[in-house]
Every structure is written in C-alpha cells, then in structure tokens.
Amino acid sequence: MDINESKRVYISADYDEENGDRDVVDELHKWAEDKRYKVNYVDTAQVVSDSVSNDQDCRPCELKNEFNKQINISSIVIFIIGDKTRTRTAGNLCRRLNGGEHCDCTPYKQNSQGTSKCKYDKTSEPYDDIGNINEFSYLQHEFCQAKKRKKDIIIIYNSLNNQPSWLPAYMKEYESEAFPFWINKGESKNVGNYQRIKKALGYD
C-alpha cells in the first residue's frame, strides 16, 4: 500500500459521555495527525454535529441517510465495540414501516415540541443502499450499509482482551477478525495497538 495514498476511514462508536468509547475515537484521531500516514477519519459524532442534525426537526431517518452518504465515500469502516454496544438501541424507534404515512415520529433532538408526524408521504427505493427508513439502531444501520457497499470492515474492542460476548448478533460473523484495541505497557499504562491498526488499514 502506498503510504502517500490518502484513505478516508469512517468510525462508528458509542458516544455516550460516561459509558461510551470516545477514548478509542480520540486515540484514532490523534494517530491521524501523524504525517507519515494520510488517513482522513470521519466519525459518527462529526456526521451528527455537522450535518442535517442542525435542523431542529431532524429525524432519525435523515441521520441514517447521512450515514449512508459518508460510508459510501469511505474506503474503510471501523466499528468500536464496548461493553455496552450490544444493548444500544438508539435510532430504532421509526414507526413508519408499520404505522404508515401519518405515524408519530420523535425528532432526533427530541425538542420541546415532542413527537411530530412522519415527514414522508411515500418512501423511495434504496437501490444500492440500506433504506434509511427502518427499525435498525444507528449502529446496525451503519454496519448493514458498510456490508452492502462491500466496504473493508474493521472491528475493534475497547479492551485489552478479545470480548466476543460484546458483539451484537449481526456482527457475529466477524468474531474471528475482531481484535482488542489496547495493549498494556506496564505500570498500568494502556496504549493503543498502533501496529495492529496500521496493518488492518493496509499500511504494513
């Protein structure tokens, strides 16, 4: 792999302030500043904060559509798996499929207006993408989109050890390929496994 070739890497993670996996995301972004490797990371939090979510009436399906766009223009998708990942359900409350065009919908920011009516009179064919109107969590939607678009998928545990029990059921086929992000350098100091990530990204 030519290290002068820029890669765009999409990162999916749990961004919960207290129990999420931001520490891994922060470490990956730190590595991206290394001038030896031209890696352009975009993570879910950036997509959410810089996109359609600026609209107070942003809906989960609109975020999923934005995730599709960002995954489509990325060459690699990294999924960070923590001890709470398997139980996360954010994004799965769309009622459109079963409730029809006049169903209630909770905007992404759950603004003071509470629930609103579904914005869409009709749904369009997703063609080569996972349809953005679904009952998947955001994570499952991102994973299915990456698979459908045949992206290179890297799954890492926010742990010093392999944690297959943390994987959601729909990721089980990647269990043999998933690996821990952290390694211990002694004196209780954990560091990211840069060499393993570099190899997974094709820079080795």
N, C-alpha and C. Protein backbone atom coordinates (compact mmCIF):
# COMPACT_ATOMS: atom_id res chain seq x y z
N MET A 1 0.84 -1.20 0.00
CA MET A 1 0.00 0.00 0.00
C MET A 1 0.87 1.25 0.00
N ASP A 2 0.60 2.15 -0.91
CA ASP A 2 1.35 3.40 -1.00
C ASP A 2 0.95 4.31 0.15
N ILE A 3 1.91 4.66 1.02
CA ILE A 3 1.56 5.47 2.18
C ILE A 3 1.21 6.90 1.77
N ASN A 4 1.44 7.26 0.51
CA ASN A 4 1.06 8.59 0.05
C ASN A 4 -0.39 8.62 -0.42
N GLU A 5 -1.01 7.45 -0.47
CA GLU A 5 -2.41 7.38 -0.88
C GLU A 5 -3.30 7.69 0.32
N SER A 6 -4.13 8.70 0.18
CA SER A 6 -5.00 9.10 1.28
C SER A 6 -6.17 8.13 1.41
N LYS A 7 -6.48 7.77 2.64
CA LYS A 7 -7.61 6.90 2.91
C LYS A 7 -8.66 7.68 3.69
N ARG A 8 -9.90 7.42 3.38
CA ARG A 8 -10.98 8.01 4.17
C ARG A 8 -11.60 6.88 4.99
N VAL A 9 -11.55 7.02 6.29
CA VAL A 9 -11.98 5.96 7.20
C VAL A 9 -13.14 6.45 8.05
N TYR A 10 -14.24 5.73 8.01
CA TYR A 10 -15.43 6.07 8.79
C TYR A 10 -15.39 5.30 10.11
N ILE A 11 -15.63 6.00 11.21
CA ILE A 11 -15.59 5.37 12.54
C ILE A 11 -16.99 5.38 13.15
N SER A 12 -17.45 4.22 13.56
CA SER A 12 -18.72 4.11 14.27
C SER A 12 -18.44 3.68 15.71
N ALA A 13 -19.02 4.39 16.66
CA ALA A 13 -18.75 4.09 18.07
C ALA A 13 -19.92 4.55 18.93
N ASP A 14 -19.87 4.15 20.18
CA ASP A 14 -20.84 4.59 21.19
C ASP A 14 -20.28 5.87 21.82
N TYR A 15 -21.01 6.98 21.67
CA TYR A 15 -20.50 8.28 22.13
C TYR A 15 -21.11 8.73 23.45
N ASP A 16 -21.70 7.80 24.18
CA ASP A 16 -22.21 8.15 25.50
C ASP A 16 -21.10 8.77 26.34
N GLU A 17 -21.41 9.90 26.98
CA GLU A 17 -20.39 10.66 27.72
C GLU A 17 -19.74 9.85 28.83
N GLU A 18 -20.51 9.03 29.53
CA GLU A 18 -19.98 8.32 30.69
C GLU A 18 -19.57 6.88 30.39
N ASN A 19 -20.34 6.21 29.53
CA ASN A 19 -20.10 4.77 29.33
C ASN A 19 -19.79 4.42 27.88
N GLY A 20 -19.43 5.41 27.09
CA GLY A 20 -19.16 5.16 25.68
C GLY A 20 -17.69 4.83 25.41
N ASP A 21 -17.31 4.97 24.16
CA ASP A 21 -15.98 4.55 23.71
C ASP A 21 -15.22 5.69 23.04
N ARG A 22 -15.41 6.90 23.55
CA ARG A 22 -14.75 8.07 22.98
C ARG A 22 -13.23 8.00 23.12
N ASP A 23 -12.75 7.29 24.14
CA ASP A 23 -11.30 7.23 24.33
C ASP A 23 -10.60 6.59 23.14
N VAL A 24 -11.23 5.58 22.55
CA VAL A 24 -10.65 4.95 21.36
C VAL A 24 -10.73 5.90 20.16
N VAL A 25 -11.86 6.56 20.00
CA VAL A 25 -12.02 7.51 18.90
C VAL A 25 -10.97 8.61 18.99
N ASP A 26 -10.78 9.15 20.19
CA ASP A 26 -9.78 10.21 20.38
C ASP A 26 -8.38 9.73 20.02
N GLU A 27 -8.07 8.49 20.38
CA GLU A 27 -6.75 7.95 20.08
C GLU A 27 -6.56 7.78 18.57
N LEU A 28 -7.60 7.34 17.88
CA LEU A 28 -7.52 7.19 16.43
C LEU A 28 -7.30 8.53 15.75
N HIS A 29 -8.01 9.55 16.22
CA HIS A 29 -7.83 10.88 15.64
C HIS A 29 -6.42 11.41 15.90
N LYS A 30 -5.88 11.08 17.05
CA LYS A 30 -4.52 11.50 17.38
C LYS A 30 -3.53 10.89 16.38
N TRP A 31 -3.73 9.62 16.09
CA TRP A 31 -2.85 8.95 15.12
C TRP A 31 -2.98 9.58 13.74
N ALA A 32 -4.18 10.03 13.40
CA ALA A 32 -4.40 10.61 12.07
C ALA A 32 -3.56 11.86 11.85
N GLU A 33 -3.12 12.48 12.95
CA GLU A 33 -2.28 13.67 12.82
C GLU A 33 -0.83 13.32 12.47
N ASP A 34 -0.50 12.03 12.51
CA ASP A 34 0.84 11.57 12.15
C ASP A 34 1.03 11.77 10.65
N LYS A 35 1.97 12.60 10.26
CA LYS A 35 2.16 12.97 8.86
C LYS A 35 2.64 11.82 7.99
N ARG A 36 3.10 10.74 8.61
CA ARG A 36 3.58 9.61 7.82
C ARG A 36 2.44 8.88 7.12
N TYR A 37 1.24 8.99 7.67
CA TYR A 37 0.13 8.23 7.12
C TYR A 37 -1.05 9.16 6.87
N LYS A 38 -1.48 9.17 5.61
CA LYS A 38 -2.55 10.07 5.23
C LYS A 38 -3.89 9.37 5.42
N VAL A 39 -4.40 9.47 6.63
CA VAL A 39 -5.68 8.87 6.96
C VAL A 39 -6.65 9.97 7.34
N ASN A 40 -7.77 10.01 6.67
CA ASN A 40 -8.78 11.03 6.94
C ASN A 40 -9.96 10.36 7.63
N TYR A 41 -10.02 10.51 8.95
CA TYR A 41 -11.10 9.89 9.72
C TYR A 41 -12.33 10.79 9.74
N VAL A 42 -13.49 10.18 9.64
CA VAL A 42 -14.73 10.87 9.94
C VAL A 42 -15.51 9.94 10.87
N ASP A 43 -15.99 10.48 11.98
CA ASP A 43 -16.71 9.61 12.91
C ASP A 43 -18.18 10.01 13.02
N THR A 44 -18.95 9.12 13.60
CA THR A 44 -20.39 9.31 13.69
C THR A 44 -20.74 10.64 14.36
N ALA A 45 -20.01 10.99 15.41
CA ALA A 45 -20.30 12.24 16.12
C ALA A 45 -20.12 13.45 15.22
N GLN A 46 -19.11 13.40 14.35
CA GLN A 46 -18.89 14.51 13.42
C GLN A 46 -20.03 14.61 12.42
N VAL A 47 -20.47 13.46 11.94
CA VAL A 47 -21.58 13.45 10.98
C VAL A 47 -22.82 14.04 11.62
N VAL A 48 -23.08 13.65 12.87
CA VAL A 48 -24.26 14.14 13.58
C VAL A 48 -24.19 15.64 13.82
N SER A 49 -23.03 16.13 14.24
CA SER A 49 -22.92 17.54 14.62
C SER A 49 -22.77 18.47 13.43
N ASP A 50 -22.30 17.96 12.29
CA ASP A 50 -22.02 18.83 11.15
C ASP A 50 -23.02 18.68 10.01
N SER A 51 -24.14 18.04 10.25
CA SER A 51 -24.99 17.69 9.13
C SER A 51 -26.42 18.14 9.34
N VAL A 52 -27.33 17.31 8.83
CA VAL A 52 -28.75 17.62 8.89
C VAL A 52 -29.26 17.77 10.31
N SER A 53 -28.51 17.31 11.30
CA SER A 53 -28.99 17.40 12.68
C SER A 53 -29.04 18.84 13.18
N ASN A 54 -28.45 19.76 12.42
CA ASN A 54 -28.56 21.18 12.78
C ASN A 54 -30.00 21.66 12.67
N ASP A 55 -30.79 20.95 11.89
CA ASP A 55 -32.22 21.23 11.78
C ASP A 55 -32.91 20.72 13.04
N GLN A 56 -33.63 21.59 13.73
CA GLN A 56 -34.31 21.19 14.96
C GLN A 56 -35.33 20.08 14.73
N ASP A 57 -35.76 19.93 13.48
CA ASP A 57 -36.74 18.90 13.17
C ASP A 57 -36.09 17.70 12.48
N CYS A 58 -34.79 17.53 12.68
CA CYS A 58 -34.07 16.39 12.09
C CYS A 58 -34.64 15.07 12.61
N ARG A 59 -34.85 14.14 11.71
CA ARG A 59 -35.40 12.84 12.08
C ARG A 59 -34.32 11.75 12.02
N PRO A 60 -34.49 10.67 12.77
CA PRO A 60 -33.51 9.58 12.72
C PRO A 60 -33.25 9.07 11.30
N CYS A 61 -34.29 9.01 10.47
CA CYS A 61 -34.10 8.51 9.11
C CYS A 61 -33.21 9.44 8.30
N GLU A 62 -33.24 10.73 8.60
CA GLU A 62 -32.38 11.67 7.88
C GLU A 62 -30.92 11.51 8.30
N LEU A 63 -30.71 11.21 9.58
CA LEU A 63 -29.35 10.91 10.03
C LEU A 63 -28.84 9.64 9.35
N LYS A 64 -29.67 8.63 9.27
CA LYS A 64 -29.25 7.38 8.63
C LYS A 64 -28.91 7.61 7.16
N ASN A 65 -29.65 8.46 6.51
CA ASN A 65 -29.34 8.79 5.12
C ASN A 65 -27.98 9.46 5.02
N GLU A 66 -27.67 10.33 5.99
CA GLU A 66 -26.36 10.99 6.01
C GLU A 66 -25.25 9.98 6.30
N PHE A 67 -25.51 9.04 7.20
CA PHE A 67 -24.53 7.99 7.46
C PHE A 67 -24.24 7.22 6.17
N ASN A 68 -25.28 6.91 5.41
CA ASN A 68 -25.09 6.21 4.14
C ASN A 68 -24.13 6.96 3.23
N LYS A 69 -24.35 8.26 3.11
CA LYS A 69 -23.51 9.07 2.21
C LYS A 69 -22.05 9.04 2.65
N GLN A 70 -21.83 9.17 3.96
CA GLN A 70 -20.45 9.21 4.46
C GLN A 70 -19.76 7.85 4.33
N ILE A 71 -20.50 6.79 4.57
CA ILE A 71 -19.94 5.44 4.40
C ILE A 71 -19.61 5.18 2.94
N ASN A 72 -20.48 5.63 2.05
CA ASN A 72 -20.28 5.39 0.62
C ASN A 72 -18.99 6.00 0.10
N ILE A 73 -18.57 7.12 0.65
CA ILE A 73 -17.36 7.78 0.15
C ILE A 73 -16.13 7.43 0.99
N SER A 74 -16.29 6.46 1.90
CA SER A 74 -15.16 5.98 2.70
C SER A 74 -14.69 4.65 2.14
N SER A 75 -13.41 4.37 2.31
CA SER A 75 -12.88 3.10 1.82
C SER A 75 -12.90 2.03 2.91
N ILE A 76 -12.87 2.44 4.17
CA ILE A 76 -12.81 1.52 5.29
C ILE A 76 -13.78 2.00 6.37
N VAL A 77 -14.42 1.07 7.06
CA VAL A 77 -15.32 1.42 8.17
C VAL A 77 -14.85 0.68 9.42
N ILE A 78 -14.56 1.45 10.47
CA ILE A 78 -14.14 0.88 11.75
C ILE A 78 -15.31 0.92 12.73
N PHE A 79 -15.61 -0.22 13.34
CA PHE A 79 -16.62 -0.29 14.39
C PHE A 79 -15.93 -0.54 15.72
N ILE A 80 -16.15 0.35 16.67
CA ILE A 80 -15.57 0.22 18.01
C ILE A 80 -16.61 -0.41 18.92
N ILE A 81 -16.25 -1.52 19.51
CA ILE A 81 -17.20 -2.29 20.31
C ILE A 81 -16.81 -2.20 21.79
N GLY A 82 -17.73 -1.66 22.59
CA GLY A 82 -17.51 -1.57 24.03
C GLY A 82 -18.44 -2.50 24.78
N ASP A 83 -18.39 -2.45 26.10
CA ASP A 83 -19.19 -3.38 26.89
C ASP A 83 -20.68 -3.05 26.88
N LYS A 84 -21.05 -1.87 26.37
CA LYS A 84 -22.47 -1.50 26.30
C LYS A 84 -23.01 -1.56 24.87
N THR A 85 -22.15 -1.77 23.90
CA THR A 85 -22.55 -1.70 22.49
C THR A 85 -23.72 -2.62 22.17
N ARG A 86 -23.66 -3.82 22.66
CA ARG A 86 -24.66 -4.83 22.32
C ARG A 86 -26.08 -4.41 22.70
N THR A 87 -26.20 -3.58 23.73
CA THR A 87 -27.53 -3.21 24.22
C THR A 87 -27.99 -1.84 23.74
N ARG A 88 -27.18 -1.16 22.96
CA ARG A 88 -27.57 0.17 22.48
C ARG A 88 -28.65 0.05 21.41
N THR A 89 -29.68 0.86 21.53
CA THR A 89 -30.81 0.78 20.59
C THR A 89 -31.14 2.12 19.94
N ALA A 90 -30.35 3.15 20.19
CA ALA A 90 -30.65 4.48 19.63
C ALA A 90 -30.86 4.39 18.13
N GLY A 91 -31.94 5.03 17.67
CA GLY A 91 -32.24 5.06 16.25
C GLY A 91 -33.27 4.05 15.79
N ASN A 92 -33.74 3.18 16.70
CA ASN A 92 -34.60 2.08 16.26
C ASN A 92 -36.09 2.36 16.45
N LEU A 93 -36.46 3.62 16.70
CA LEU A 93 -37.86 3.91 17.05
C LEU A 93 -38.72 4.35 15.87
N CYS A 94 -38.23 4.20 14.65
CA CYS A 94 -39.04 4.61 13.50
C CYS A 94 -40.30 3.74 13.40
N ARG A 95 -41.44 4.41 13.29
CA ARG A 95 -42.72 3.69 13.21
C ARG A 95 -43.29 3.68 11.80
N ARG A 96 -42.54 4.23 10.86
CA ARG A 96 -43.07 4.44 9.51
C ARG A 96 -43.44 3.14 8.80
N LEU A 97 -42.62 2.11 8.97
CA LEU A 97 -42.86 0.86 8.25
C LEU A 97 -44.19 0.22 8.63
N ASN A 98 -44.52 0.27 9.91
CA ASN A 98 -45.75 -0.37 10.39
C ASN A 98 -46.88 0.61 10.62
N GLY A 99 -46.53 1.88 10.86
CA GLY A 99 -47.55 2.86 11.22
C GLY A 99 -48.10 3.67 10.06
N GLY A 100 -47.47 3.57 8.89
CA GLY A 100 -47.97 4.32 7.75
C GLY A 100 -47.54 5.77 7.75
N GLU A 101 -48.01 6.51 6.74
CA GLU A 101 -47.50 7.86 6.50
C GLU A 101 -47.88 8.88 7.55
N HIS A 102 -48.87 8.63 8.37
CA HIS A 102 -49.28 9.62 9.38
C HIS A 102 -48.85 9.21 10.79
N CYS A 103 -47.90 8.31 10.89
CA CYS A 103 -47.48 7.84 12.21
C CYS A 103 -46.71 8.92 12.96
N ASP A 104 -46.60 8.75 14.27
CA ASP A 104 -45.82 9.68 15.08
C ASP A 104 -44.33 9.40 14.91
N CYS A 105 -43.54 10.46 15.04
CA CYS A 105 -42.09 10.34 14.92
C CYS A 105 -41.45 11.28 15.95
N THR A 106 -40.44 10.79 16.63
CA THR A 106 -39.73 11.62 17.59
C THR A 106 -38.49 12.19 16.92
N PRO A 107 -38.43 13.52 16.73
CA PRO A 107 -37.24 14.12 16.12
C PRO A 107 -35.98 13.74 16.87
N TYR A 108 -34.87 13.74 16.15
CA TYR A 108 -33.59 13.31 16.72
C TYR A 108 -33.27 14.05 18.02
N LYS A 109 -33.46 15.36 18.04
CA LYS A 109 -33.10 16.15 19.22
C LYS A 109 -34.20 16.16 20.28
N GLN A 110 -35.30 15.46 20.01
CA GLN A 110 -36.40 15.39 20.97
C GLN A 110 -36.71 16.79 21.52
N ASN A 111 -36.96 17.70 20.60
CA ASN A 111 -37.16 19.09 21.00
C ASN A 111 -38.45 19.27 21.80
N SER A 112 -38.69 20.50 22.21
CA SER A 112 -39.79 20.79 23.12
C SER A 112 -41.16 20.49 22.51
N GLN A 113 -41.20 20.34 21.19
CA GLN A 113 -42.48 20.05 20.54
C GLN A 113 -42.85 18.57 20.66
N GLY A 114 -41.92 17.77 21.17
CA GLY A 114 -42.20 16.35 21.33
C GLY A 114 -42.33 15.63 20.00
N THR A 115 -43.24 14.65 19.94
CA THR A 115 -43.39 13.89 18.71
C THR A 115 -44.06 14.73 17.63
N SER A 116 -43.75 14.38 16.38
CA SER A 116 -44.35 15.03 15.22
C SER A 116 -44.82 13.95 14.27
N LYS A 117 -45.55 14.35 13.25
CA LYS A 117 -45.98 13.40 12.24
C LYS A 117 -44.81 13.09 11.31
N CYS A 118 -44.80 11.88 10.78
CA CYS A 118 -43.77 11.50 9.81
C CYS A 118 -43.75 12.50 8.66
N LYS A 119 -42.55 12.88 8.24
CA LYS A 119 -42.39 13.88 7.18
C LYS A 119 -42.75 13.36 5.79
N TYR A 120 -42.75 12.05 5.62
CA TYR A 120 -42.74 11.50 4.28
C TYR A 120 -44.07 10.86 3.88
N ASP A 121 -44.63 11.34 2.76
CA ASP A 121 -45.86 10.77 2.22
C ASP A 121 -45.61 9.40 1.61
N LYS A 122 -44.41 9.22 1.07
CA LYS A 122 -44.07 7.94 0.46
C LYS A 122 -42.59 7.67 0.70
N THR A 123 -42.22 6.42 0.60
CA THR A 123 -40.82 6.05 0.77
C THR A 123 -40.25 5.65 -0.58
N SER A 124 -38.98 5.92 -0.77
CA SER A 124 -38.34 5.63 -2.06
C SER A 124 -37.54 4.34 -1.97
N GLU A 125 -37.25 3.76 -3.13
CA GLU A 125 -36.43 2.56 -3.18
C GLU A 125 -35.00 2.90 -2.79
N PRO A 126 -34.36 2.08 -1.96
CA PRO A 126 -32.99 2.39 -1.52
C PRO A 126 -31.93 2.10 -2.57
N TYR A 127 -32.28 1.31 -3.61
CA TYR A 127 -31.32 0.93 -4.65
C TYR A 127 -30.09 0.25 -4.02
N ASP A 128 -28.92 0.86 -4.13
CA ASP A 128 -27.70 0.21 -3.66
C ASP A 128 -27.41 0.46 -2.18
N ASP A 129 -28.27 1.18 -1.49
CA ASP A 129 -28.08 1.49 -0.08
C ASP A 129 -29.07 0.72 0.79
N ILE A 130 -28.78 0.68 2.09
CA ILE A 130 -29.78 0.22 3.05
C ILE A 130 -30.79 1.34 3.20
N GLY A 131 -32.06 1.05 3.05
CA GLY A 131 -33.07 2.09 3.17
C GLY A 131 -32.98 2.79 4.51
N ASN A 132 -33.12 4.12 4.49
CA ASN A 132 -32.94 4.88 5.73
C ASN A 132 -34.18 4.87 6.62
N ILE A 133 -35.28 4.38 6.12
CA ILE A 133 -36.48 4.25 6.95
C ILE A 133 -36.56 2.79 7.39
N ASN A 134 -36.13 2.54 8.61
CA ASN A 134 -36.09 1.17 9.13
C ASN A 134 -36.12 1.20 10.65
N GLU A 135 -36.15 0.03 11.24
CA GLU A 135 -36.18 -0.08 12.70
C GLU A 135 -34.84 -0.56 13.25
N PHE A 136 -33.77 -0.34 12.50
CA PHE A 136 -32.42 -0.65 12.98
C PHE A 136 -31.95 0.43 13.94
N SER A 137 -31.08 0.05 14.86
CA SER A 137 -30.35 1.07 15.61
C SER A 137 -29.40 1.76 14.64
N TYR A 138 -28.85 2.91 15.05
CA TYR A 138 -27.89 3.59 14.18
C TYR A 138 -26.71 2.67 13.88
N LEU A 139 -26.22 1.97 14.89
CA LEU A 139 -25.07 1.09 14.71
C LEU A 139 -25.38 -0.03 13.72
N GLN A 140 -26.53 -0.68 13.88
CA GLN A 140 -26.87 -1.76 12.96
C GLN A 140 -27.04 -1.23 11.55
N HIS A 141 -27.64 -0.05 11.43
CA HIS A 141 -27.80 0.55 10.11
C HIS A 141 -26.44 0.79 9.45
N GLU A 142 -25.51 1.37 10.20
CA GLU A 142 -24.17 1.63 9.66
C GLU A 142 -23.49 0.34 9.24
N PHE A 143 -23.62 -0.69 10.07
CA PHE A 143 -22.98 -1.97 9.77
C PHE A 143 -23.57 -2.58 8.50
N CYS A 144 -24.89 -2.58 8.40
CA CYS A 144 -25.54 -3.16 7.21
C CYS A 144 -25.18 -2.38 5.95
N GLN A 145 -25.08 -1.06 6.08
CA GLN A 145 -24.70 -0.24 4.93
C GLN A 145 -23.27 -0.55 4.49
N ALA A 146 -22.36 -0.68 5.45
CA ALA A 146 -20.97 -0.99 5.12
C ALA A 146 -20.87 -2.35 4.43
N LYS A 147 -21.64 -3.32 4.92
CA LYS A 147 -21.62 -4.65 4.30
C LYS A 147 -22.20 -4.60 2.89
N LYS A 148 -23.32 -3.92 2.74
CA LYS A 148 -23.97 -3.87 1.43
C LYS A 148 -23.09 -3.19 0.41
N ARG A 149 -22.35 -2.19 0.84
CA ARG A 149 -21.46 -1.46 -0.06
C ARG A 149 -20.09 -2.13 -0.19
N LYS A 150 -19.96 -3.29 0.47
CA LYS A 150 -18.73 -4.08 0.38
C LYS A 150 -17.49 -3.28 0.81
N LYS A 151 -17.64 -2.54 1.88
CA LYS A 151 -16.51 -1.79 2.44
C LYS A 151 -15.63 -2.73 3.26
N ASP A 152 -14.36 -2.39 3.36
CA ASP A 152 -13.49 -3.12 4.29
C ASP A 152 -13.92 -2.77 5.71
N ILE A 153 -14.24 -3.77 6.49
CA ILE A 153 -14.75 -3.57 7.85
C ILE A 153 -13.71 -4.02 8.87
N ILE A 154 -13.42 -3.14 9.82
CA ILE A 154 -12.51 -3.44 10.92
C ILE A 154 -13.29 -3.33 12.22
N ILE A 155 -13.25 -4.36 13.04
CA ILE A 155 -13.96 -4.34 14.32
C ILE A 155 -12.95 -4.46 15.45
N ILE A 156 -12.98 -3.48 16.35
CA ILE A 156 -12.04 -3.47 17.47
C ILE A 156 -12.79 -3.34 18.80
N TYR A 157 -12.28 -4.05 19.79
CA TYR A 157 -12.86 -3.99 21.14
C TYR A 157 -12.18 -2.89 21.95
N ASN A 158 -12.95 -2.14 22.68
CA ASN A 158 -12.39 -1.16 23.61
C ASN A 158 -11.97 -1.91 24.87
N SER A 159 -10.90 -2.68 24.72
CA SER A 159 -10.49 -3.60 25.77
C SER A 159 -9.05 -4.04 25.53
N LEU A 160 -8.46 -4.63 26.56
CA LEU A 160 -7.14 -5.25 26.43
C LEU A 160 -7.26 -6.68 25.89
N ASN A 161 -8.47 -7.22 25.88
CA ASN A 161 -8.67 -8.62 25.51
C ASN A 161 -9.79 -8.76 24.49
N ASN A 162 -9.81 -9.89 23.82
CA ASN A 162 -10.94 -10.20 22.95
C ASN A 162 -12.20 -10.32 23.79
N GLN A 163 -13.29 -9.73 23.29
CA GLN A 163 -14.55 -9.73 24.04
C GLN A 163 -15.69 -10.12 23.11
N PRO A 164 -15.72 -11.36 22.64
CA PRO A 164 -16.76 -11.76 21.68
C PRO A 164 -18.18 -11.62 22.22
N SER A 165 -18.35 -11.68 23.53
CA SER A 165 -19.70 -11.54 24.10
C SER A 165 -20.23 -10.12 23.94
N TRP A 166 -19.37 -9.17 23.62
CA TRP A 166 -19.81 -7.79 23.43
C TRP A 166 -20.41 -7.57 22.04
N LEU A 167 -20.15 -8.47 21.11
CA LEU A 167 -20.60 -8.26 19.73
C LEU A 167 -22.12 -8.42 19.62
N PRO A 168 -22.79 -7.49 18.95
CA PRO A 168 -24.20 -7.70 18.63
C PRO A 168 -24.33 -8.93 17.72
N ALA A 169 -25.48 -9.56 17.73
CA ALA A 169 -25.67 -10.79 16.96
C ALA A 169 -25.36 -10.61 15.48
N TYR A 170 -25.70 -9.44 14.93
CA TYR A 170 -25.49 -9.23 13.49
C TYR A 170 -24.03 -9.06 13.10
N MET A 171 -23.13 -8.99 14.09
CA MET A 171 -21.69 -8.90 13.81
C MET A 171 -20.95 -10.21 14.07
N LYS A 172 -21.66 -11.25 14.47
CA LYS A 172 -21.01 -12.48 14.91
C LYS A 172 -20.11 -13.10 13.85
N GLU A 173 -20.42 -12.90 12.59
CA GLU A 173 -19.60 -13.50 11.53
C GLU A 173 -18.20 -12.87 11.47
N TYR A 174 -18.02 -11.74 12.15
CA TYR A 174 -16.72 -11.07 12.18
C TYR A 174 -15.95 -11.37 13.47
N GLU A 175 -16.46 -12.28 14.27
CA GLU A 175 -15.85 -12.56 15.57
C GLU A 175 -14.38 -12.95 15.44
N SER A 176 -14.05 -13.75 14.45
CA SER A 176 -12.67 -14.23 14.30
C SER A 176 -11.72 -13.13 13.85
N GLU A 177 -12.26 -12.04 13.31
CA GLU A 177 -11.43 -10.95 12.80
C GLU A 177 -11.32 -9.79 13.78
N ALA A 178 -12.23 -9.71 14.73
CA ALA A 178 -12.22 -8.61 15.70
C ALA A 178 -11.02 -8.75 16.63
N PHE A 179 -10.50 -7.62 17.10
CA PHE A 179 -9.33 -7.67 17.98
C PHE A 179 -9.36 -6.53 18.98
N PRO A 180 -8.67 -6.67 20.13
CA PRO A 180 -8.65 -5.61 21.15
C PRO A 180 -7.81 -4.42 20.70
N PHE A 181 -8.26 -3.23 21.06
CA PHE A 181 -7.56 -2.01 20.67
C PHE A 181 -6.35 -1.73 21.55
N TRP A 182 -6.47 -2.02 22.86
CA TRP A 182 -5.44 -1.60 23.81
C TRP A 182 -4.42 -2.70 24.09
N ILE A 183 -3.20 -2.29 24.36
CA ILE A 183 -2.17 -3.19 24.87
C ILE A 183 -1.57 -2.54 26.12
N ASN A 184 -1.09 -3.38 27.03
CA ASN A 184 -0.55 -2.87 28.29
C ASN A 184 0.96 -2.71 28.20
N LYS A 185 1.45 -1.54 28.59
CA LYS A 185 2.88 -1.26 28.56
C LYS A 185 3.51 -1.29 29.95
N GLY A 186 2.80 -1.86 30.91
CA GLY A 186 3.33 -1.93 32.26
C GLY A 186 2.96 -0.71 33.07
N GLU A 187 3.05 -0.84 34.39
CA GLU A 187 2.72 0.25 35.31
C GLU A 187 1.32 0.80 35.04
N SER A 188 0.42 -0.13 34.71
CA SER A 188 -0.99 0.22 34.48
C SER A 188 -1.19 1.19 33.32
N LYS A 189 -0.22 1.25 32.42
CA LYS A 189 -0.35 2.16 31.28
C LYS A 189 -0.80 1.39 30.05
N ASN A 190 -1.98 1.75 29.55
CA ASN A 190 -2.51 1.13 28.34
C ASN A 190 -2.34 2.08 27.16
N VAL A 191 -1.92 1.54 26.03
CA VAL A 191 -1.77 2.35 24.82
C VAL A 191 -2.46 1.63 23.68
N GLY A 192 -2.85 2.40 22.68
CA GLY A 192 -3.48 1.80 21.51
C GLY A 192 -2.49 0.97 20.71
N ASN A 193 -2.98 -0.12 20.14
CA ASN A 193 -2.13 -1.00 19.35
C ASN A 193 -1.99 -0.44 17.94
N TYR A 194 -1.10 0.53 17.82
CA TYR A 194 -0.92 1.25 16.56
C TYR A 194 -0.54 0.31 15.42
N GLN A 195 0.37 -0.62 15.69
CA GLN A 195 0.85 -1.52 14.63
C GLN A 195 -0.28 -2.40 14.09
N ARG A 196 -1.14 -2.86 14.98
CA ARG A 196 -2.26 -3.71 14.54
C ARG A 196 -3.25 -2.91 13.69
N ILE A 197 -3.53 -1.69 14.12
CA ILE A 197 -4.45 -0.85 13.36
C ILE A 197 -3.83 -0.49 12.01
N LYS A 198 -2.56 -0.15 12.02
CA LYS A 198 -1.86 0.21 10.78
C LYS A 198 -1.92 -0.94 9.77
N LYS A 199 -1.72 -2.15 10.26
CA LYS A 199 -1.79 -3.32 9.38
C LYS A 199 -3.20 -3.51 8.84
N ALA A 200 -4.19 -3.34 9.72
CA ALA A 200 -5.58 -3.50 9.29
C ALA A 200 -5.97 -2.47 8.24
N LEU A 201 -5.36 -1.28 8.32
CA LEU A 201 -5.65 -0.23 7.35
C LEU A 201 -4.87 -0.41 6.05
N GLY A 202 -3.97 -1.39 6.02
CA GLY A 202 -3.22 -1.66 4.81
C GLY A 202 -1.92 -0.90 4.69
N TYR A 203 -1.41 -0.39 5.80
CA TYR A 203 -0.15 0.37 5.78
C TYR A 203 1.02 -0.49 6.25
N ASP A 204 0.92 -1.79 6.08
CA ASP A 204 2.01 -2.66 6.52
C ASP A 204 2.30 -3.70 5.46
